[in-house]
């Protein structure tokens, strides 16, 4: 993950999704913003800002989360396939296994994420 800014519709719901579903760490922020980071990954962070009027990003403008093994990617995809809607996943793309396992998902705020090994 690199520096960047995500927009959200609902800060509280977005914070819960990012922490509880994607496993990211809330490292700061305040009433209007949230700073998130990948646990144990150094100084990189993303700022999440609520905004009432947004232009939604395409799949090409996505953040990437890397996990340790292709099996973890497959397990995550299986979990999102069965429980994604109730967790807040708005779209889930097929699992790809061409050299490494990866897939795309759109979060509760319609930001795109690639989960890869």
Protein backbone atom coordinates (compact mmCIF):
# COMPACT_ATOMS: atom_id res chain seq x y z
CA UNK A 1 0.00 0.00 0.00
CA UNK A 2 1.28 3.47 -0.74
CA UNK A 3 0.32 7.00 0.29
CA UNK A 4 -3.02 8.01 -1.02
CA UNK A 5 -6.47 9.22 -0.25
CA UNK A 6 -9.67 7.22 -0.20
CA UNK A 7 -13.09 8.79 -0.07
CA UNK A 8 -15.99 7.34 1.84
CA UNK A 9 -19.68 7.98 2.23
CA UNK A 10 -19.89 7.08 5.94
CA UNK A 11 -16.71 7.45 8.04
CA UNK A 12 -17.80 5.12 10.84
CA UNK A 13 -18.91 2.33 8.48
CA UNK A 14 -15.78 2.77 6.38
CA UNK A 15 -13.53 2.58 9.47
CA UNK A 16 -15.22 -0.65 10.58
CA UNK A 17 -14.88 -2.20 7.11
CA UNK A 18 -11.22 -1.24 6.75
CA UNK A 19 -10.30 -2.55 10.21
CA UNK A 20 -12.59 -5.56 10.60
CA UNK A 21 -12.87 -6.83 7.02
CA UNK A 22 -9.56 -5.84 5.41
CA UNK A 23 -7.51 -6.04 8.62
CA UNK A 24 -5.98 -2.58 8.31
CA UNK A 25 -4.87 -0.57 11.33
CA UNK A 26 -6.48 2.74 12.24
CA UNK A 27 -3.40 4.79 13.18
CA UNK A 28 -4.91 8.22 13.65
CA UNK A 29 -7.31 10.80 12.42
CA UNK A 30 -10.10 12.68 13.99
CA UNK A 31 -13.65 13.76 13.48
CA UNK A 32 -13.26 14.24 9.72
CA UNK A 33 -10.47 11.88 8.67
CA UNK A 34 -9.03 8.47 9.37
CA UNK A 35 -5.43 7.38 8.79
CA UNK A 36 -5.04 3.68 7.99
CA UNK A 37 -1.99 1.48 7.62
CA UNK A 38 -1.09 -2.14 6.99
CA UNK A 39 -0.01 -3.63 10.35
CA UNK A 40 3.79 -3.89 10.67
CA UNK A 41 4.45 -2.37 7.24
CA UNK A 42 6.27 0.83 8.12
CA UNK A 43 5.43 4.45 7.49
CA UNK A 44 3.00 4.02 4.58
CA UNK A 45 -0.54 5.13 5.21
CA UNK A 46 -3.76 6.18 3.53
CA UNK A 47 -6.03 9.04 4.53
CA UNK A 48 -9.77 8.35 4.40
CA UNK A 49 -12.02 11.39 4.02
CA UNK A 50 -15.81 11.47 3.97
CA UNK A 51 -17.34 13.49 1.17
CA UNK A 52 -21.00 13.91 0.20
CA UNK A 53 -20.32 14.25 -3.55
CA UNK A 54 -17.87 11.83 -5.11
CA UNK A 55 -16.55 10.59 -8.38
CA UNK A 56 -16.17 6.84 -7.96
CA UNK A 57 -12.86 5.37 -9.02
CA UNK A 58 -12.47 2.60 -11.56
CA UNK A 59 -10.85 -0.79 -10.97
CA UNK A 60 -7.66 0.61 -12.50
CA UNK A 61 -7.37 3.08 -9.58
CA UNK A 62 -7.08 0.54 -6.80
CA UNK A 63 -5.09 -0.14 -3.68
CA UNK A 64 -3.25 -3.43 -3.36
CA UNK A 65 -3.04 -5.60 -0.25
CA UNK A 66 -0.53 -8.45 -0.35
CA UNK A 67 -0.92 -11.54 1.82
CA UNK A 68 1.65 -14.27 2.45
CA UNK A 69 0.42 -17.13 0.28
CA UNK A 70 -1.84 -17.91 -2.68
CA UNK A 71 -3.88 -20.11 -0.33
CA UNK A 72 -4.67 -17.07 1.85
CA UNK A 73 -5.89 -15.22 -1.23
CA UNK A 74 -8.06 -18.20 -2.19
CA UNK A 75 -9.45 -18.45 1.36
CA UNK A 76 -10.24 -14.71 1.38
CA UNK A 77 -11.99 -14.96 -1.98
CA UNK A 78 -14.05 -17.91 -0.76
CA UNK A 79 -15.05 -15.96 2.37
CA UNK A 80 -16.01 -12.87 0.36
CA UNK A 81 -17.94 -15.06 -2.10
CA UNK A 82 -20.17 -16.36 0.68
CA UNK A 83 -20.27 -13.44 3.15
CA UNK A 84 -19.16 -10.44 1.11
CA UNK A 85 -22.49 -8.64 0.84
CA UNK A 86 -23.13 -8.79 4.59
CA UNK A 87 -19.55 -7.59 5.23
CA UNK A 88 -19.95 -4.59 2.91
CA UNK A 89 -18.30 -5.80 -0.29
CA UNK A 90 -20.19 -4.09 -3.11
CA UNK A 91 -18.54 -6.02 -5.99
CA UNK A 92 -16.29 -9.07 -6.14
CA UNK A 93 -14.33 -10.16 -9.19
CA UNK A 94 -13.32 -13.73 -10.01
CA UNK A 95 -10.23 -15.26 -8.45
CA UNK A 96 -7.30 -15.23 -10.90
CA UNK A 97 -4.44 -17.71 -10.58
CA UNK A 98 -2.15 -16.80 -13.47
CA UNK A 99 1.25 -17.02 -11.78
CA UNK A 100 -0.03 -15.68 -8.47
CA UNK A 101 -3.45 -15.64 -6.87
CA UNK A 102 -5.33 -12.33 -6.87
CA UNK A 103 -8.77 -10.77 -7.13
CA UNK A 104 -10.45 -7.38 -6.98
CA UNK A 105 -13.19 -6.18 -4.67
CA UNK A 106 -15.06 -2.95 -4.20
CA UNK A 107 -15.47 -1.94 -0.55
CA UNK A 108 -18.40 -0.44 1.33
CA UNK A 109 -17.50 3.00 -0.10
CA UNK A 110 -16.98 1.66 -3.64
CA UNK A 111 -13.19 1.98 -3.52
CA UNK A 112 -11.34 -0.82 -5.33
CA UNK A 113 -8.83 -3.18 -3.69
CA UNK A 114 -6.66 -5.91 -5.16
CA UNK A 115 -5.92 -8.82 -2.82
CA UNK A 116 -2.81 -10.65 -4.03
CA UNK A 117 -0.08 -13.06 -2.91
